[in-house]
């Protein structure tokens, strides 16, 4: 196996099974997330957390909102659970929803089909 392929497989393993399924299916989507977040970073609440100032449009980040969180390489559909003041900023708690971003795209396309 070439060093480049070996490095790619190692990175895919680190990014997790969802990314591996996308990569192996030949999909190399780049995501435009609503809020940047480390999807593996949970706090004592058990939810993924990030800071509100990481949002592309902070006005869209409200409890109950369904958003895309993560980064341009790895993203997930999430529900905003709450906003909590913390020091100089605001913490956003997120609940990761099941499935891939692509699953939700297909859902929306079906719902909007005429």
PDB file of N, CA and C in Angstrom:
ATOM      1  N   UNK A   1       0.856  -1.178   0.000  1.00  0.00           N
ATOM      2  CA  UNK A   1       0.000   0.000   0.000  1.00  0.00           C
ATOM      3  C   UNK A   1       0.899   1.237   0.000  1.00  0.00           C
ATOM      4  N   UNK A   2       0.534   2.195  -0.808  1.00  0.00           N
ATOM      5  CA  UNK A   2       1.338   3.418  -0.913  1.00  0.00           C
ATOM      6  C   UNK A   2       1.236   4.220   0.386  1.00  0.00           C
ATOM      7  N   UNK A   3       2.258   5.024   0.688  1.00  0.00           N
ATOM      8  CA  UNK A   3       2.203   5.858   1.897  1.00  0.00           C
ATOM      9  C   UNK A   3       1.015   6.821   1.889  1.00  0.00           C
ATOM     10  N   UNK A   4       0.675   7.359   0.707  1.00  0.00           N
ATOM     11  CA  UNK A   4      -0.453   8.303   0.631  1.00  0.00           C
ATOM     12  C   UNK A   4      -1.767   7.594   0.958  1.00  0.00           C
ATOM     13  N   UNK A   5      -1.951   6.389   0.415  1.00  0.00           N
ATOM     14  CA  UNK A   5      -3.186   5.637   0.693  1.00  0.00           C
ATOM     15  C   UNK A   5      -3.246   5.231   2.163  1.00  0.00           C
ATOM     16  N   UNK A   6      -2.109   4.834   2.699  1.00  0.00           N
ATOM     17  CA  UNK A   6      -2.047   4.460   4.107  1.00  0.00           C
ATOM     18  C   UNK A   6      -2.421   5.645   5.001  1.00  0.00           C
ATOM     19  N   UNK A   7      -1.912   6.831   4.677  1.00  0.00           N
ATOM     20  CA  UNK A   7      -2.227   8.030   5.456  1.00  0.00           C
ATOM     21  C   UNK A   7      -3.706   8.374   5.345  1.00  0.00           C
ATOM     22  N   UNK A   8      -4.283   8.220   4.145  1.00  0.00           N
ATOM     23  CA  UNK A   8      -5.704   8.491   3.956  1.00  0.00           C
ATOM     24  C   UNK A   8      -6.556   7.538   4.787  1.00  0.00           C
ATOM     25  N   UNK A   9      -6.232   6.249   4.755  1.00  0.00           N
ATOM     26  CA  UNK A   9      -7.001   5.279   5.543  1.00  0.00           C
ATOM     27  C   UNK A   9      -6.881   5.562   7.036  1.00  0.00           C
ATOM     28  N   UNK A  10      -5.699   5.966   7.485  1.00  0.00           N
ATOM     29  CA  UNK A  10      -5.512   6.299   8.894  1.00  0.00           C
ATOM     30  C   UNK A  10      -6.388   7.486   9.277  1.00  0.00           C
ATOM     31  N   UNK A  11      -6.418   8.525   8.434  1.00  0.00           N
ATOM     32  CA  UNK A  11      -7.238   9.709   8.723  1.00  0.00           C
ATOM     33  C   UNK A  11      -8.714   9.343   8.730  1.00  0.00           C
ATOM     34  N   UNK A  12      -9.127   8.512   7.777  1.00  0.00           N
ATOM     35  CA  UNK A  12     -10.531   8.092   7.725  1.00  0.00           C
ATOM     36  C   UNK A  12     -10.909   7.340   9.004  1.00  0.00           C
ATOM     37  N   UNK A  13     -10.010   6.513   9.503  1.00  0.00           N
ATOM     38  CA  UNK A  13     -10.266   5.770  10.733  1.00  0.00           C
ATOM     39  C   UNK A  13     -10.441   6.729  11.905  1.00  0.00           C
ATOM     40  N   UNK A  14      -9.609   7.759  11.977  1.00  0.00           N
ATOM     41  CA  UNK A  14      -9.708   8.734  13.059  1.00  0.00           C
ATOM     42  C   UNK A  14     -11.009   9.523  12.984  1.00  0.00           C
ATOM     43  N   UNK A  15     -11.484   9.802  11.769  1.00  0.00           N
ATOM     44  CA  UNK A  15     -12.698  10.595  11.605  1.00  0.00           C
ATOM     45  C   UNK A  15     -13.958   9.795  11.858  1.00  0.00           C
ATOM     46  N   UNK A  16     -13.860   8.487  11.857  1.00  0.00           N
ATOM     47  CA  UNK A  16     -15.008   7.668  12.243  1.00  0.00           C
ATOM     48  C   UNK A  16     -15.707   6.987  11.094  1.00  0.00           C
ATOM     49  N   UNK A  17     -16.621   6.076  11.463  1.00  0.00           N
ATOM     50  CA  UNK A  17     -17.292   5.243  10.475  1.00  0.00           C
ATOM     51  C   UNK A  17     -18.168   6.008   9.494  1.00  0.00           C
ATOM     52  N   UNK A  18     -18.811   7.082   9.923  1.00  0.00           N
ATOM     53  CA  UNK A  18     -19.668   7.831   9.007  1.00  0.00           C
ATOM     54  C   UNK A  18     -18.830   8.417   7.870  1.00  0.00           C
ATOM     55  N   UNK A  19     -17.675   8.977   8.211  1.00  0.00           N
ATOM     56  CA  UNK A  19     -16.809   9.534   7.179  1.00  0.00           C
ATOM     57  C   UNK A  19     -16.283   8.435   6.281  1.00  0.00           C
ATOM     58  N   UNK A  20     -15.960   7.276   6.859  1.00  0.00           N
ATOM     59  CA  UNK A  20     -15.459   6.164   6.050  1.00  0.00           C
ATOM     60  C   UNK A  20     -16.514   5.727   5.037  1.00  0.00           C
ATOM     61  N   UNK A  21     -17.779   5.650   5.455  1.00  0.00           N
ATOM     62  CA  UNK A  21     -18.837   5.257   4.520  1.00  0.00           C
ATOM     63  C   UNK A  21     -18.926   6.252   3.374  1.00  0.00           C
ATOM     64  N   UNK A  22     -18.819   7.542   3.676  1.00  0.00           N
ATOM     65  CA  UNK A  22     -18.870   8.565   2.629  1.00  0.00           C
ATOM     66  C   UNK A  22     -17.675   8.441   1.692  1.00  0.00           C
ATOM     67  N   UNK A  23     -16.494   8.285   2.257  1.00  0.00           N
ATOM     68  CA  UNK A  23     -15.287   8.216   1.444  1.00  0.00           C
ATOM     69  C   UNK A  23     -15.290   6.968   0.568  1.00  0.00           C
ATOM     70  N   UNK A  24     -15.685   5.842   1.133  1.00  0.00           N
ATOM     71  CA  UNK A  24     -15.700   4.608   0.363  1.00  0.00           C
ATOM     72  C   UNK A  24     -16.780   4.625  -0.697  1.00  0.00           C
ATOM     73  N   UNK A  25     -17.818   5.394  -0.484  1.00  0.00           N
ATOM     74  CA  UNK A  25     -18.880   5.514  -1.480  1.00  0.00           C
ATOM     75  C   UNK A  25     -18.496   6.509  -2.569  1.00  0.00           C
ATOM     76  N   UNK A  26     -17.308   7.081  -2.471  1.00  0.00           N
ATOM     77  CA  UNK A  26     -16.856   8.020  -3.484  1.00  0.00           C
ATOM     78  C   UNK A  26     -17.362   9.436  -3.275  1.00  0.00           C
ATOM     79  N   UNK A  27     -17.873   9.728  -2.097  1.00  0.00           N
ATOM     80  CA  UNK A  27     -18.397  11.056  -1.824  1.00  0.00           C
ATOM     81  C   UNK A  27     -17.374  11.820  -1.005  1.00  0.00           C
ATOM     82  N   UNK A  28     -17.049  12.978  -1.461  1.00  0.00           N
ATOM     83  CA  UNK A  28     -16.078  13.807  -0.754  1.00  0.00           C
ATOM     84  C   UNK A  28     -16.705  15.174  -0.509  1.00  0.00           C
ATOM     85  N   UNK A  29     -17.876  15.173   0.094  1.00  0.00           N
ATOM     86  CA  UNK A  29     -18.583  16.416   0.352  1.00  0.00           C
ATOM     87  C   UNK A  29     -17.795  17.304   1.309  1.00  0.00           C
ATOM     88  N   UNK A  30     -17.862  18.584   1.040  1.00  0.00           N
ATOM     89  CA  UNK A  30     -17.348  19.571   1.966  1.00  0.00           C
ATOM     90  C   UNK A  30     -18.584  20.208   2.583  1.00  0.00           C
ATOM     91  N   UNK A  31     -18.605  20.288   3.876  1.00  0.00           N
ATOM     92  CA  UNK A  31     -19.786  20.781   4.568  1.00  0.00           C
ATOM     93  C   UNK A  31     -19.661  22.257   4.896  1.00  0.00           C
ATOM     94  N   UNK A  32     -20.768  22.946   4.802  1.00  0.00           N
ATOM     95  CA  UNK A  32     -20.862  24.325   5.267  1.00  0.00           C
ATOM     96  C   UNK A  32     -21.696  24.262   6.536  1.00  0.00           C
ATOM     97  N   UNK A  33     -21.023  24.302   7.664  1.00  0.00           N
ATOM     98  CA  UNK A  33     -21.705  24.101   8.940  1.00  0.00           C
ATOM     99  C   UNK A  33     -22.285  25.408   9.465  1.00  0.00           C
ATOM    100  N   UNK A  34     -23.332  25.266  10.276  1.00  0.00           N
ATOM    101  CA  UNK A  34     -23.923  26.433  10.928  1.00  0.00           C
ATOM    102  C   UNK A  34     -23.087  26.871  12.121  1.00  0.00           C
ATOM    103  N   UNK A  35     -22.443  25.878  12.764  1.00  0.00           N
ATOM    104  CA  UNK A  35     -21.594  26.189  13.916  1.00  0.00           C
ATOM    105  C   UNK A  35     -20.444  25.185  13.957  1.00  0.00           C
ATOM    106  N   UNK A  36     -19.249  25.684  14.153  1.00  0.00           N
ATOM    107  CA  UNK A  36     -18.081  24.827  14.270  1.00  0.00           C
ATOM    108  C   UNK A  36     -18.084  24.174  15.646  1.00  0.00           C
ATOM    109  N   UNK A  37     -17.857  22.858  15.666  1.00  0.00           N
ATOM    110  CA  UNK A  37     -17.842  22.123  16.935  1.00  0.00           C
ATOM    111  C   UNK A  37     -17.015  20.858  16.788  1.00  0.00           C
ATOM    112  N   UNK A  38     -16.392  20.458  17.881  1.00  0.00           N
ATOM    113  CA  UNK A  38     -15.739  19.157  17.961  1.00  0.00           C
ATOM    114  C   UNK A  38     -16.838  18.176  18.359  1.00  0.00           C
ATOM    115  N   UNK A  39     -17.248  17.320  17.444  1.00  0.00           N
ATOM    116  CA  UNK A  39     -18.396  16.442  17.674  1.00  0.00           C
ATOM    117  C   UNK A  39     -18.130  15.358  18.716  1.00  0.00           C
ATOM    118  N   UNK A  40     -16.904  15.239  19.175  1.00  0.00           N
ATOM    119  CA  UNK A  40     -16.572  14.269  20.220  1.00  0.00           C
ATOM    120  C   UNK A  40     -16.419  14.914  21.592  1.00  0.00           C
ATOM    121  N   UNK A  41     -16.644  16.218  21.679  1.00  0.00           N
ATOM    122  CA  UNK A  41     -16.386  16.962  22.911  1.00  0.00           C
ATOM    123  C   UNK A  41     -17.672  17.162  23.706  1.00  0.00           C
ATOM    124  N   UNK A  42     -17.921  16.260  24.653  1.00  0.00           N
ATOM    125  CA  UNK A  42     -19.092  16.370  25.527  1.00  0.00           C
ATOM    126  C   UNK A  42     -18.669  16.913  26.883  1.00  0.00           C
ATOM    127  N   UNK A  43     -19.555  17.689  27.504  1.00  0.00           N
ATOM    128  CA  UNK A  43     -19.278  18.160  28.862  1.00  0.00           C
ATOM    129  C   UNK A  43     -20.083  17.342  29.858  1.00  0.00           C
ATOM    130  N   UNK A  44     -20.171  17.831  31.091  1.00  0.00           N
ATOM    131  CA  UNK A  44     -20.848  17.080  32.157  1.00  0.00           C
ATOM    132  C   UNK A  44     -22.335  16.883  31.899  1.00  0.00           C
ATOM    133  N   UNK A  45     -22.910  17.640  30.976  1.00  0.00           N
ATOM    134  CA  UNK A  45     -24.329  17.471  30.638  1.00  0.00           C
ATOM    135  C   UNK A  45     -24.548  16.246  29.750  1.00  0.00           C
ATOM    136  N   UNK A  46     -23.471  15.764  29.139  1.00  0.00           N
ATOM    137  CA  UNK A  46     -23.575  14.648  28.208  1.00  0.00           C
ATOM    138  C   UNK A  46     -23.817  15.099  26.776  1.00  0.00           C
ATOM    139  N   UNK A  47     -23.880  16.409  26.564  1.00  0.00           N
ATOM    140  CA  UNK A  47     -24.093  16.955  25.222  1.00  0.00           C
ATOM    141  C   UNK A  47     -22.789  17.486  24.649  1.00  0.00           C
ATOM    142  N   UNK A  48     -22.710  17.487  23.325  1.00  0.00           N
ATOM    143  CA  UNK A  48     -21.609  18.158  22.640  1.00  0.00           C
ATOM    144  C   UNK A  48     -21.763  19.650  22.915  1.00  0.00           C
ATOM    145  N   UNK A  49     -20.644  20.335  23.091  1.00  0.00           N
ATOM    146  CA  UNK A  49     -20.725  21.767  23.365  1.00  0.00           C
ATOM    147  C   UNK A  49     -19.739  22.526  22.483  1.00  0.00           C
ATOM    148  N   UNK A  50     -20.067  23.782  22.260  1.00  0.00           N
ATOM    149  CA  UNK A  50     -19.200  24.711  21.552  1.00  0.00           C
ATOM    150  C   UNK A  50     -19.601  26.116  21.995  1.00  0.00           C
ATOM    151  N   UNK A  51     -18.900  27.108  21.508  1.00  0.00           N
ATOM    152  CA  UNK A  51     -19.239  28.486  21.855  1.00  0.00           C
ATOM    153  C   UNK A  51     -20.078  29.135  20.760  1.00  0.00           C
ATOM    154  N   UNK A  52     -21.013  29.961  21.152  1.00  0.00           N
ATOM    155  CA  UNK A  52     -21.908  30.633  20.224  1.00  0.00           C
ATOM    156  C   UNK A  52     -21.142  31.458  19.191  1.00  0.00           C
ATOM    157  N   UNK A  53     -19.996  32.027  19.576  1.00  0.00           N
ATOM    158  CA  UNK A  53     -19.249  32.844  18.619  1.00  0.00           C
ATOM    159  C   UNK A  53     -18.615  32.013  17.496  1.00  0.00           C
ATOM    160  N   UNK A  54     -18.748  30.688  17.563  1.00  0.00           N
ATOM    161  CA  UNK A  54     -18.288  29.807  16.483  1.00  0.00           C
ATOM    162  C   UNK A  54     -19.347  29.669  15.385  1.00  0.00           C
ATOM    163  N   UNK A  55     -20.527  30.267  15.588  1.00  0.00           N
ATOM    164  CA  UNK A  55     -21.623  30.146  14.622  1.00  0.00           C
ATOM    165  C   UNK A  55     -21.428  31.083  13.445  1.00  0.00           C
ATOM    166  N   UNK A  56     -21.813  30.611  12.271  1.00  0.00           N
ATOM    167  CA  UNK A  56     -21.798  31.443  11.067  1.00  0.00           C
ATOM    168  C   UNK A  56     -22.798  32.574  11.206  1.00  0.00           C
ATOM    169  N   UNK A  57     -24.005  32.257  11.736  1.00  0.00           N
ATOM    170  CA  UNK A  57     -25.049  33.251  11.991  1.00  0.00           C
ATOM    171  C   UNK A  57     -25.621  32.961  13.385  1.00  0.00           C
ATOM    172  N   UNK A  58     -25.084  33.605  14.418  1.00  0.00           N
ATOM    173  CA  UNK A  58     -25.531  33.310  15.783  1.00  0.00           C
ATOM    174  C   UNK A  58     -27.039  33.443  15.988  1.00  0.00           C
ATOM    175  N   UNK A  59     -27.716  34.243  15.179  1.00  0.00           N
ATOM    176  CA  UNK A  59     -29.161  34.402  15.297  1.00  0.00           C
ATOM    177  C   UNK A  59     -29.933  33.127  14.987  1.00  0.00           C
ATOM    178  N   UNK A  60     -29.317  32.207  14.266  1.00  0.00           N
ATOM    179  CA  UNK A  60     -29.966  30.938  13.932  1.00  0.00           C
ATOM    180  C   UNK A  60     -29.839  29.895  15.041  1.00  0.00           C
ATOM    181  N   UNK A  61     -28.966  30.145  15.992  1.00  0.00           N
ATOM    182  CA  UNK A  61     -28.673  29.168  17.044  1.00  0.00           C
ATOM    183  C   UNK A  61     -29.575  29.447  18.236  1.00  0.00           C
ATOM    184  N   UNK A  62     -30.696  28.724  18.284  1.00  0.00           N
ATOM    185  CA  UNK A  62     -31.695  28.892  19.350  1.00  0.00           C
ATOM    186  C   UNK A  62     -32.122  27.514  19.829  1.00  0.00           C
ATOM    187  N   UNK A  63     -32.505  27.371  21.094  1.00  0.00           N
ATOM    188  CA  UNK A  63     -32.977  26.072  21.563  1.00  0.00           C
ATOM    189  C   UNK A  63     -34.085  25.526  20.664  1.00  0.00           C
ATOM    190  N   UNK A  64     -33.927  24.259  20.303  1.00  0.00           N
ATOM    191  CA  UNK A  64     -34.896  23.596  19.439  1.00  0.00           C
ATOM    192  C   UNK A  64     -34.553  23.651  17.966  1.00  0.00           C
ATOM    193  N   UNK A  65     -33.626  24.539  17.573  1.00  0.00           N
ATOM    194  CA  UNK A  65     -33.245  24.652  16.166  1.00  0.00           C
ATOM    195  C   UNK A  65     -32.505  23.392  15.716  1.00  0.00           C
ATOM    196  N   UNK A  66     -32.738  22.997  14.470  1.00  0.00           N
ATOM    197  CA  UNK A  66     -32.014  21.888  13.861  1.00  0.00           C
ATOM    198  C   UNK A  66     -30.950  22.512  12.958  1.00  0.00           C
ATOM    199  N   UNK A  67     -29.696  22.164  13.222  1.00  0.00           N
ATOM    200  CA  UNK A  67     -28.573  22.797  12.536  1.00  0.00           C
ATOM    201  C   UNK A  67     -27.560  21.744  12.105  1.00  0.00           C
ATOM    202  N   UNK A  68     -26.571  22.177  11.341  1.00  0.00           N
ATOM    203  CA  UNK A  68     -25.433  21.331  10.976  1.00  0.00           C
ATOM    204  C   UNK A  68     -24.229  21.841  11.761  1.00  0.00           C
ATOM    205  N   UNK A  69     -23.595  20.930  12.499  1.00  0.00           N
ATOM    206  CA  UNK A  69     -22.442  21.287  13.322  1.00  0.00           C
ATOM    207  C   UNK A  69     -21.260  20.401  12.957  1.00  0.00           C
ATOM    208  N   UNK A  70     -20.078  20.864  13.272  1.00  0.00           N
ATOM    209  CA  UNK A  70     -18.854  20.110  13.003  1.00  0.00           C
ATOM    210  C   UNK A  70     -17.855  21.009  12.312  1.00  0.00           C
ATOM    211  N   UNK A  71     -17.254  20.487  11.241  1.00  0.00           N
ATOM    212  CA  UNK A  71     -16.342  21.284  10.432  1.00  0.00           C
ATOM    213  C   UNK A  71     -16.536  20.901   8.975  1.00  0.00           C
ATOM    214  N   UNK A  72     -15.716  21.449   8.090  1.00  0.00           N
ATOM    215  CA  UNK A  72     -15.941  21.221   6.661  1.00  0.00           C
ATOM    216  C   UNK A  72     -15.727  19.777   6.242  1.00  0.00           C
ATOM    217  N   UNK A  73     -15.030  18.996   7.047  1.00  0.00           N
ATOM    218  CA  UNK A  73     -14.771  17.594   6.707  1.00  0.00           C
ATOM    219  C   UNK A  73     -15.733  16.620   7.384  1.00  0.00           C
ATOM    220  N   UNK A  74     -16.135  16.918   8.597  1.00  0.00           N
ATOM    221  CA  UNK A  74     -16.981  16.010   9.368  1.00  0.00           C
ATOM    222  C   UNK A  74     -18.098  16.816  10.000  1.00  0.00           C
ATOM    223  N   UNK A  75     -19.332  16.495   9.634  1.00  0.00           N
ATOM    224  CA  UNK A  75     -20.468  17.261  10.132  1.00  0.00           C
ATOM    225  C   UNK A  75     -21.598  16.321  10.522  1.00  0.00           C
ATOM    226  N   UNK A  76     -22.492  16.841  11.350  1.00  0.00           N
ATOM    227  CA  UNK A  76     -23.666  16.085  11.783  1.00  0.00           C
ATOM    228  C   UNK A  76     -24.833  17.036  11.928  1.00  0.00           C
ATOM    229  N   UNK A  77     -26.025  16.476  11.748  1.00  0.00           N
ATOM    230  CA  UNK A  77     -27.240  17.240  12.007  1.00  0.00           C
ATOM    231  C   UNK A  77     -27.473  17.176  13.510  1.00  0.00           C
ATOM    232  N   UNK A  78     -27.751  18.330  14.115  1.00  0.00           N
ATOM    233  CA  UNK A  78     -27.884  18.424  15.571  1.00  0.00           C
ATOM    234  C   UNK A  78     -29.106  19.252  15.945  1.00  0.00           C
ATOM    235  N   UNK A  79     -29.577  19.022  17.153  1.00  0.00           N
ATOM    236  CA  UNK A  79     -30.599  19.878  17.758  1.00  0.00           C
ATOM    237  C   UNK A  79     -29.909  20.751  18.793  1.00  0.00           C
ATOM    238  N   UNK A  80     -30.204  22.039  18.774  1.00  0.00           N
ATOM    239  CA  UNK A  80     -29.683  22.937  19.806  1.00  0.00           C
ATOM    240  C   UNK A  80     -30.508  22.690  21.064  1.00  0.00           C
ATOM    241  N   UNK A  81     -29.844  22.291  22.143  1.00  0.00           N
ATOM    242  CA  UNK A  81     -30.513  21.994  23.410  1.00  0.00           C
ATOM    243  C   UNK A  81     -30.700  23.259  24.232  1.00  0.00           C
ATOM    244  N   UNK A  82     -29.621  23.998  24.424  1.00  0.00           N
ATOM    245  CA  UNK A  82     -29.725  25.245  25.197  1.00  0.00           C
ATOM    246  C   UNK A  82     -28.519  26.127  24.937  1.00  0.00           C
ATOM    247  N   UNK A  83     -28.630  27.339  25.432  1.00  0.00           N
ATOM    248  CA  UNK A  83     -27.540  28.312  25.422  1.00  0.00           C
ATOM    249  C   UNK A  83     -27.269  28.654  26.881  1.00  0.00           C
ATOM    250  N   UNK A  84     -26.008  28.543  27.285  1.00  0.00           N
ATOM    251  CA  UNK A  84     -25.665  28.777  28.692  1.00  0.00           C
ATOM    252  C   UNK A  84     -24.571  29.828  28.795  1.00  0.00           C
ATOM    253  N   UNK A  85     -24.823  30.914  29.544  1.00  0.00           N
ATOM    254  CA  UNK A  85     -23.773  31.918  29.740  1.00  0.00           C
ATOM    255  C   UNK A  85     -22.568  31.290  30.447  1.00  0.00           C
ATOM    256  N   UNK A  86     -21.374  31.670  29.986  1.00  0.00           N
ATOM    257  CA  UNK A  86     -20.150  31.138  30.591  1.00  0.00           C
ATOM    258  C   UNK A  86     -19.031  32.151  30.423  1.00  0.00           C
ATOM    259  N   UNK A  87     -18.680  32.808  31.524  1.00  0.00           N
ATOM    260  CA  UNK A  87     -17.594  33.787  31.459  1.00  0.00           C
ATOM    261  C   UNK A  87     -17.880  34.867  30.447  1.00  0.00           C
ATOM    262  N   UNK A  88     -16.997  34.973  29.464  1.00  0.00           N
ATOM    263  CA  UNK A  88     -17.130  36.016  28.440  1.00  0.00           C
ATOM    264  C   UNK A  88     -17.948  35.575  27.236  1.00  0.00           C
ATOM    265  N   UNK A  89     -18.480  34.347  27.253  1.00  0.00           N
ATOM    266  CA  UNK A  89     -19.183  33.848  26.077  1.00  0.00           C
ATOM    267  C   UNK A  89     -20.447  33.097  26.428  1.00  0.00           C
ATOM    268  N   UNK A  90     -20.957  32.394  25.443  1.00  0.00           N
ATOM    269  CA  UNK A  90     -22.154  31.583  25.609  1.00  0.00           C
ATOM    270  C   UNK A  90     -21.864  30.196  25.077  1.00  0.00           C
ATOM    271  N   UNK A  91     -22.144  29.190  25.900  1.00  0.00           N
ATOM    272  CA  UNK A  91     -21.963  27.800  25.494  1.00  0.00           C
ATOM    273  C   UNK A  91     -23.244  27.319  24.827  1.00  0.00           C
ATOM    274  N   UNK A  92     -23.077  26.606  23.722  1.00  0.00           N
ATOM    275  CA  UNK A  92     -24.191  25.991  23.011  1.00  0.00           C
ATOM    276  C   UNK A  92     -24.089  24.485  23.228  1.00  0.00           C
ATOM    277  N   UNK A  93     -25.168  23.879  23.740  1.00  0.00           N
ATOM    278  CA  UNK A  93     -25.222  22.427  23.889  1.00  0.00           C
ATOM    279  C   UNK A  93     -25.989  21.847  22.711  1.00  0.00           C
ATOM    280  N   UNK A  94     -25.438  20.775  22.135  1.00  0.00           N
ATOM    281  CA  UNK A  94     -26.000  20.157  20.940  1.00  0.00           C
ATOM    282  C   UNK A  94     -26.259  18.673  21.161  1.00  0.00           C
ATOM    283  N   UNK A  95     -27.385  18.204  20.644  1.00  0.00           N
ATOM    284  CA  UNK A  95     -27.679  16.766  20.629  1.00  0.00           C
ATOM    285  C   UNK A  95     -27.528  16.292  19.194  1.00  0.00           C
ATOM    286  N   UNK A  96     -26.590  15.365  18.988  1.00  0.00           N
ATOM    287  CA  UNK A  96     -26.387  14.816  17.659  1.00  0.00           C
ATOM    288  C   UNK A  96     -27.579  13.948  17.292  1.00  0.00           C
ATOM    289  N   UNK A  97     -28.121  14.171  16.110  1.00  0.00           N
ATOM    290  CA  UNK A  97     -29.238  13.381  15.633  1.00  0.00           C
ATOM    291  C   UNK A  97     -28.699  12.186  14.841  1.00  0.00           C
ATOM    292  N   UNK A  98     -29.439  11.082  14.807  1.00  0.00           N
ATOM    293  CA  UNK A  98     -28.935   9.890  14.115  1.00  0.00           C
ATOM    294  C   UNK A  98     -28.872  10.099  12.604  1.00  0.00           C
ATOM    295  N   UNK A  99     -27.986   9.372  11.963  1.00  0.00           N
ATOM    296  CA  UNK A  99     -27.872   9.412  10.515  1.00  0.00           C
ATOM    297  C   UNK A  99     -26.823  10.390  10.036  1.00  0.00           C
ATOM    298  N   UNK A 100     -26.638  10.376   8.733  1.00  0.00           N
ATOM    299  CA  UNK A 100     -25.665  11.237   8.073  1.00  0.00           C
ATOM    300  C   UNK A 100     -26.346  12.487   7.542  1.00  0.00           C
ATOM    301  N   UNK A 101     -25.572  13.524   7.317  1.00  0.00           N
ATOM    302  CA  UNK A 101     -26.113  14.747   6.725  1.00  0.00           C
ATOM    303  C   UNK A 101     -26.827  14.398   5.421  1.00  0.00           C
ATOM    304  N   UNK A 102     -26.265  13.485   4.638  1.00  0.00           N
ATOM    305  CA  UNK A 102     -26.852  13.089   3.361  1.00  0.00           C
ATOM    306  C   UNK A 102     -28.237  12.474   3.535  1.00  0.00           C
ATOM    307  N   UNK A 103     -28.469  11.777   4.653  1.00  0.00           N
ATOM    308  CA  UNK A 103     -29.792  11.205   4.915  1.00  0.00           C
ATOM    309  C   UNK A 103     -30.836  12.304   5.032  1.00  0.00           C
ATOM    310  N   UNK A 104     -30.473  13.383   5.675  1.00  0.00           N
ATOM    311  CA  UNK A 104     -31.403  14.503   5.854  1.00  0.00           C
ATOM    312  C   UNK A 104     -31.618  15.241   4.538  1.00  0.00           C
ATOM    313  N   UNK A 105     -30.575  15.321   3.719  1.00  0.00           N
ATOM    314  CA  UNK A 105     -30.725  15.936   2.397  1.00  0.00           C
ATOM    315  C   UNK A 105     -31.759  15.159   1.589  1.00  0.00           C
ATOM    316  N   UNK A 106     -31.657  13.833   1.616  1.00  0.00           N
ATOM    317  CA  UNK A 106     -32.606  12.997   0.884  1.00  0.00           C
ATOM    318  C   UNK A 106     -34.022  13.192   1.433  1.00  0.00           C
ATOM    319  N   UNK A 107     -34.158  13.313   2.744  1.00  0.00           N
ATOM    320  CA  UNK A 107     -35.454  13.538   3.368  1.00  0.00           C
ATOM    321  C   UNK A 107     -36.074  14.843   2.878  1.00  0.00           C
ATOM    322  N   UNK A 108     -35.301  15.903   2.876  1.00  0.00           N
ATOM    323  CA  UNK A 108     -35.799  17.193   2.438  1.00  0.00           C
ATOM    324  C   UNK A 108     -36.159  17.159   0.960  1.00  0.00           C
ATOM    325  N   UNK A 109     -35.331  16.522   0.154  1.00  0.00           N
ATOM    326  CA  UNK A 109     -35.630  16.429  -1.274  1.00  0.00           C
ATOM    327  C   UNK A 109     -36.941  15.682  -1.518  1.00  0.00           C
ATOM    328  N   UNK A 110     -37.183  14.597  -0.763  1.00  0.00           N
ATOM    329  CA  UNK A 110     -38.449  13.864  -0.891  1.00  0.00           C
ATOM    330  C   UNK A 110     -39.621  14.741  -0.474  1.00  0.00           C
ATOM    331  N   UNK A 111     -39.445  15.470   0.612  1.00  0.00           N
ATOM    332  CA  UNK A 111     -40.540  16.308   1.135  1.00  0.00           C
ATOM    333  C   UNK A 111     -40.887  17.447   0.184  1.00  0.00           C
ATOM    334  N   UNK A 112     -39.892  17.954  -0.533  1.00  0.00           N
ATOM    335  CA  UNK A 112     -40.119  19.091  -1.416  1.00  0.00           C
ATOM    336  C   UNK A 112     -40.456  18.686  -2.856  1.00  0.00           C
ATOM    337  N   UNK A 113     -40.395  17.386  -3.140  1.00  0.00           N
ATOM    338  CA  UNK A 113     -40.679  16.919  -4.505  1.00  0.00           C
ATOM    339  C   UNK A 113     -42.137  17.208  -4.845  1.00  0.00           C
ATOM    340  N   UNK A 114     -42.345  17.641  -6.074  1.00  0.00           N
ATOM    341  CA  UNK A 114     -43.731  17.964  -6.469  1.00  0.00           C
ATOM    342  C   UNK A 114     -44.433  16.779  -7.077  1.00  0.00           C
TER     343      UNK A 114
END
